[in-house]
């Protein structure tokens, strides 16, 4: 395992395979691959054999899709991709981040937040996180 993979393993608590993401979102695997292709979510190849995996923190219960304006949870509401993730990934990509580097940036603790950028996104602080990501340019 290389240093980068070890770093990601240390930073990211839970990883999901494409079938796991499909189950959680209530989609089929081809639609999950489309989400990856559209860069609504990203992941990296991990393990042996190398399997494409996505950080579980990129997914949220449906009522928290936009954490700045949460709705009342319902029992049948499916999970979804965190709404603010795609734009943040675009900013990081524009700054030259690979998918692996973007995941590392999102999950690295920052004392000035406090917490991690992904935690801040999950609590509705997308403007601040995108400003910080843009500063990486």
C-alpha atoms as a PDB file:
ATOM      1  CA  UNK A   1       0.000   0.000   0.000  1.00  0.00           C
ATOM      2  CA  UNK A   2       1.450   3.392  -0.936  1.00  0.00           C
ATOM      3  CA  UNK A   3       1.581   6.424   1.342  1.00  0.00           C
ATOM      4  CA  UNK A   4      -1.379   8.073  -0.368  1.00  0.00           C
ATOM      5  CA  UNK A   5      -3.593   5.005   0.126  1.00  0.00           C
ATOM      6  CA  UNK A   6      -2.550   4.807   3.775  1.00  0.00           C
ATOM      7  CA  UNK A   7      -3.370   8.487   4.229  1.00  0.00           C
ATOM      8  CA  UNK A   8      -6.845   8.013   2.738  1.00  0.00           C
ATOM      9  CA  UNK A   9      -7.445   4.940   4.895  1.00  0.00           C
ATOM     10  CA  UNK A  10      -6.522   6.981   7.959  1.00  0.00           C
ATOM     11  CA  UNK A  11      -8.749   9.934   6.988  1.00  0.00           C
ATOM     12  CA  UNK A  12     -11.873   8.220   5.610  1.00  0.00           C
ATOM     13  CA  UNK A  13     -13.840   6.151   8.136  1.00  0.00           C
ATOM     14  CA  UNK A  14     -16.113   4.272   5.753  1.00  0.00           C
ATOM     15  CA  UNK A  15     -15.848   3.339   2.088  1.00  0.00           C
ATOM     16  CA  UNK A  16     -18.605   2.004  -0.169  1.00  0.00           C
ATOM     17  CA  UNK A  17     -18.334  -0.052  -3.343  1.00  0.00           C
ATOM     18  CA  UNK A  18     -20.480   0.861  -6.351  1.00  0.00           C
ATOM     19  CA  UNK A  19     -23.049  -1.847  -5.414  1.00  0.00           C
ATOM     20  CA  UNK A  20     -23.089  -0.488  -1.825  1.00  0.00           C
ATOM     21  CA  UNK A  21     -23.728   3.044  -3.111  1.00  0.00           C
ATOM     22  CA  UNK A  22     -26.457   1.704  -5.401  1.00  0.00           C
ATOM     23  CA  UNK A  23     -28.141  -0.051  -2.465  1.00  0.00           C
ATOM     24  CA  UNK A  24     -27.981   3.008  -0.250  1.00  0.00           C
ATOM     25  CA  UNK A  25     -29.347   5.317  -2.962  1.00  0.00           C
ATOM     26  CA  UNK A  26     -31.939   2.853  -4.249  1.00  0.00           C
ATOM     27  CA  UNK A  27     -30.423   2.920  -7.750  1.00  0.00           C
ATOM     28  CA  UNK A  28     -28.862   0.354 -10.013  1.00  0.00           C
ATOM     29  CA  UNK A  29     -25.078   0.235 -10.386  1.00  0.00           C
ATOM     30  CA  UNK A  30     -25.146   1.771 -13.878  1.00  0.00           C
ATOM     31  CA  UNK A  31     -26.798   4.908 -12.477  1.00  0.00           C
ATOM     32  CA  UNK A  32     -24.124   5.116  -9.785  1.00  0.00           C
ATOM     33  CA  UNK A  33     -21.452   4.892 -12.483  1.00  0.00           C
ATOM     34  CA  UNK A  34     -23.270   7.759 -14.228  1.00  0.00           C
ATOM     35  CA  UNK A  35     -23.044   9.831 -10.998  1.00  0.00           C
ATOM     36  CA  UNK A  36     -19.292   9.202 -11.030  1.00  0.00           C
ATOM     37  CA  UNK A  37     -19.048  10.062 -14.726  1.00  0.00           C
ATOM     38  CA  UNK A  38     -20.961  13.315 -14.086  1.00  0.00           C
ATOM     39  CA  UNK A  39     -18.604  14.003 -11.150  1.00  0.00           C
ATOM     40  CA  UNK A  40     -21.454  14.255  -8.655  1.00  0.00           C
ATOM     41  CA  UNK A  41     -19.386  11.817  -6.583  1.00  0.00           C
ATOM     42  CA  UNK A  42     -15.805  10.619  -6.842  1.00  0.00           C
ATOM     43  CA  UNK A  43     -13.857   7.675  -5.561  1.00  0.00           C
ATOM     44  CA  UNK A  44     -10.595   5.805  -5.849  1.00  0.00           C
ATOM     45  CA  UNK A  45      -9.469   2.259  -6.498  1.00  0.00           C
ATOM     46  CA  UNK A  46      -8.546   0.553  -3.227  1.00  0.00           C
ATOM     47  CA  UNK A  47      -7.597  -2.813  -1.853  1.00  0.00           C
ATOM     48  CA  UNK A  48      -6.370  -5.971  -3.497  1.00  0.00           C
ATOM     49  CA  UNK A  49      -7.894  -6.565  -5.951  1.00  0.00           C
ATOM     50  CA  UNK A  50      -8.278  -2.873  -6.613  1.00  0.00           C
ATOM     51  CA  UNK A  51     -11.972  -1.988  -6.413  1.00  0.00           C
ATOM     52  CA  UNK A  52     -13.492   1.436  -7.037  1.00  0.00           C
ATOM     53  CA  UNK A  53     -14.815   2.839  -3.757  1.00  0.00           C
ATOM     54  CA  UNK A  54     -16.548   6.044  -2.667  1.00  0.00           C
ATOM     55  CA  UNK A  55     -16.394   7.684   0.779  1.00  0.00           C
ATOM     56  CA  UNK A  56     -19.689   7.016   2.571  1.00  0.00           C
ATOM     57  CA  UNK A  57     -19.740  10.613   3.867  1.00  0.00           C
ATOM     58  CA  UNK A  58     -20.620  11.767   0.323  1.00  0.00           C
ATOM     59  CA  UNK A  59     -24.100  10.316   0.878  1.00  0.00           C
ATOM     60  CA  UNK A  60     -26.705  11.704   3.262  1.00  0.00           C
ATOM     61  CA  UNK A  61     -30.288  10.896   4.246  1.00  0.00           C
ATOM     62  CA  UNK A  62     -32.635  12.525   1.739  1.00  0.00           C
ATOM     63  CA  UNK A  63     -33.909  15.148   4.172  1.00  0.00           C
ATOM     64  CA  UNK A  64     -30.320  16.420   4.556  1.00  0.00           C
ATOM     65  CA  UNK A  65     -29.498  16.676   0.838  1.00  0.00           C
ATOM     66  CA  UNK A  66     -29.258  20.432   1.348  1.00  0.00           C
ATOM     67  CA  UNK A  67     -28.174  20.760   4.992  1.00  0.00           C
ATOM     68  CA  UNK A  68     -28.664  24.531   4.900  1.00  0.00           C
ATOM     69  CA  UNK A  69     -32.392  23.843   4.406  1.00  0.00           C
ATOM     70  CA  UNK A  70     -33.174  20.436   5.928  1.00  0.00           C
ATOM     71  CA  UNK A  71     -36.648  19.034   5.564  1.00  0.00           C
ATOM     72  CA  UNK A  72     -38.596  16.818   7.934  1.00  0.00           C
ATOM     73  CA  UNK A  73     -37.374  13.234   7.629  1.00  0.00           C
ATOM     74  CA  UNK A  74     -39.803  10.599   6.422  1.00  0.00           C
ATOM     75  CA  UNK A  75     -39.477   6.848   6.878  1.00  0.00           C
ATOM     76  CA  UNK A  76     -39.436   6.094   3.141  1.00  0.00           C
ATOM     77  CA  UNK A  77     -37.084   8.888   2.085  1.00  0.00           C
ATOM     78  CA  UNK A  78     -34.013   7.457   0.341  1.00  0.00           C
ATOM     79  CA  UNK A  79     -30.426   8.518   0.785  1.00  0.00           C
ATOM     80  CA  UNK A  80     -28.939  10.923  -1.736  1.00  0.00           C
ATOM     81  CA  UNK A  81     -25.669  12.552  -2.748  1.00  0.00           C
ATOM     82  CA  UNK A  82     -24.777  15.613  -0.670  1.00  0.00           C
ATOM     83  CA  UNK A  83     -26.042  18.490  -2.843  1.00  0.00           C
ATOM     84  CA  UNK A  84     -23.051  20.783  -2.280  1.00  0.00           C
ATOM     85  CA  UNK A  85     -20.498  18.131  -3.186  1.00  0.00           C
ATOM     86  CA  UNK A  86     -20.533  18.425  -6.989  1.00  0.00           C
ATOM     87  CA  UNK A  87     -19.743  22.143  -7.095  1.00  0.00           C
ATOM     88  CA  UNK A  88     -16.999  21.711  -4.520  1.00  0.00           C
ATOM     89  CA  UNK A  89     -15.492  18.873  -6.550  1.00  0.00           C
ATOM     90  CA  UNK A  90     -15.545  21.129  -9.617  1.00  0.00           C
ATOM     91  CA  UNK A  91     -13.668  23.879  -7.771  1.00  0.00           C
ATOM     92  CA  UNK A  92     -11.062  21.372  -6.537  1.00  0.00           C
ATOM     93  CA  UNK A  93     -10.695  19.894 -10.028  1.00  0.00           C
ATOM     94  CA  UNK A  94     -10.219  23.392 -11.468  1.00  0.00           C
ATOM     95  CA  UNK A  95      -7.459  23.885  -8.884  1.00  0.00           C
ATOM     96  CA  UNK A  96      -5.691  20.820 -10.323  1.00  0.00           C
ATOM     97  CA  UNK A  97      -6.669  18.274  -7.678  1.00  0.00           C
ATOM     98  CA  UNK A  98      -6.880  14.630  -8.699  1.00  0.00           C
ATOM     99  CA  UNK A  99      -9.805  12.659  -7.280  1.00  0.00           C
ATOM    100  CA  UNK A 100      -7.483  11.125  -4.685  1.00  0.00           C
ATOM    101  CA  UNK A 101      -6.122  14.552  -3.690  1.00  0.00           C
ATOM    102  CA  UNK A 102      -9.662  15.997  -3.529  1.00  0.00           C
ATOM    103  CA  UNK A 103     -10.776  13.242  -1.159  1.00  0.00           C
ATOM    104  CA  UNK A 104      -7.694  13.829   0.978  1.00  0.00           C
ATOM    105  CA  UNK A 105      -8.410  17.589   1.091  1.00  0.00           C
ATOM    106  CA  UNK A 106     -12.074  17.052   1.979  1.00  0.00           C
ATOM    107  CA  UNK A 107     -11.261  14.674   4.840  1.00  0.00           C
ATOM    108  CA  UNK A 108      -8.175  16.381   6.308  1.00  0.00           C
ATOM    109  CA  UNK A 109      -8.910  18.083   9.644  1.00  0.00           C
ATOM    110  CA  UNK A 110      -8.545  21.863   9.615  1.00  0.00           C
ATOM    111  CA  UNK A 111      -8.328  23.569  13.003  1.00  0.00           C
ATOM    112  CA  UNK A 112      -9.621  26.821  11.528  1.00  0.00           C
ATOM    113  CA  UNK A 113     -12.987  25.228  10.602  1.00  0.00           C
ATOM    114  CA  UNK A 114     -12.975  23.250  13.061  1.00  0.00           C
ATOM    115  CA  UNK A 115     -13.309  19.735  11.693  1.00  0.00           C
ATOM    116  CA  UNK A 116     -12.938  18.709   8.077  1.00  0.00           C
ATOM    117  CA  UNK A 117     -14.233  20.319   4.882  1.00  0.00           C
ATOM    118  CA  UNK A 118     -16.618  17.378   4.311  1.00  0.00           C
ATOM    119  CA  UNK A 119     -18.073  17.835   7.803  1.00  0.00           C
ATOM    120  CA  UNK A 120     -18.540  21.542   7.065  1.00  0.00           C
ATOM    121  CA  UNK A 121     -20.317  20.709   3.779  1.00  0.00           C
ATOM    122  CA  UNK A 122     -22.554  18.251   5.620  1.00  0.00           C
ATOM    123  CA  UNK A 123     -23.573  21.063   8.000  1.00  0.00           C
ATOM    124  CA  UNK A 124     -24.421  23.530   5.221  1.00  0.00           C
ATOM    125  CA  UNK A 125     -21.239  25.611   5.049  1.00  0.00           C
ATOM    126  CA  UNK A 126     -20.611  25.215   1.311  1.00  0.00           C
ATOM    127  CA  UNK A 127     -19.719  28.861   0.600  1.00  0.00           C
ATOM    128  CA  UNK A 128     -16.866  28.828   3.092  1.00  0.00           C
ATOM    129  CA  UNK A 129     -15.556  25.487   1.834  1.00  0.00           C
ATOM    130  CA  UNK A 130     -15.717  26.503  -1.827  1.00  0.00           C
ATOM    131  CA  UNK A 131     -13.921  29.754  -0.985  1.00  0.00           C
ATOM    132  CA  UNK A 132     -11.161  27.726   0.682  1.00  0.00           C
ATOM    133  CA  UNK A 133     -11.036  25.334  -2.278  1.00  0.00           C
ATOM    134  CA  UNK A 134     -10.802  28.244  -4.713  1.00  0.00           C
ATOM    135  CA  UNK A 135      -7.915  29.644  -2.684  1.00  0.00           C
ATOM    136  CA  UNK A 136      -6.003  26.495  -3.656  1.00  0.00           C
ATOM    137  CA  UNK A 137      -5.848  27.806  -7.264  1.00  0.00           C
END
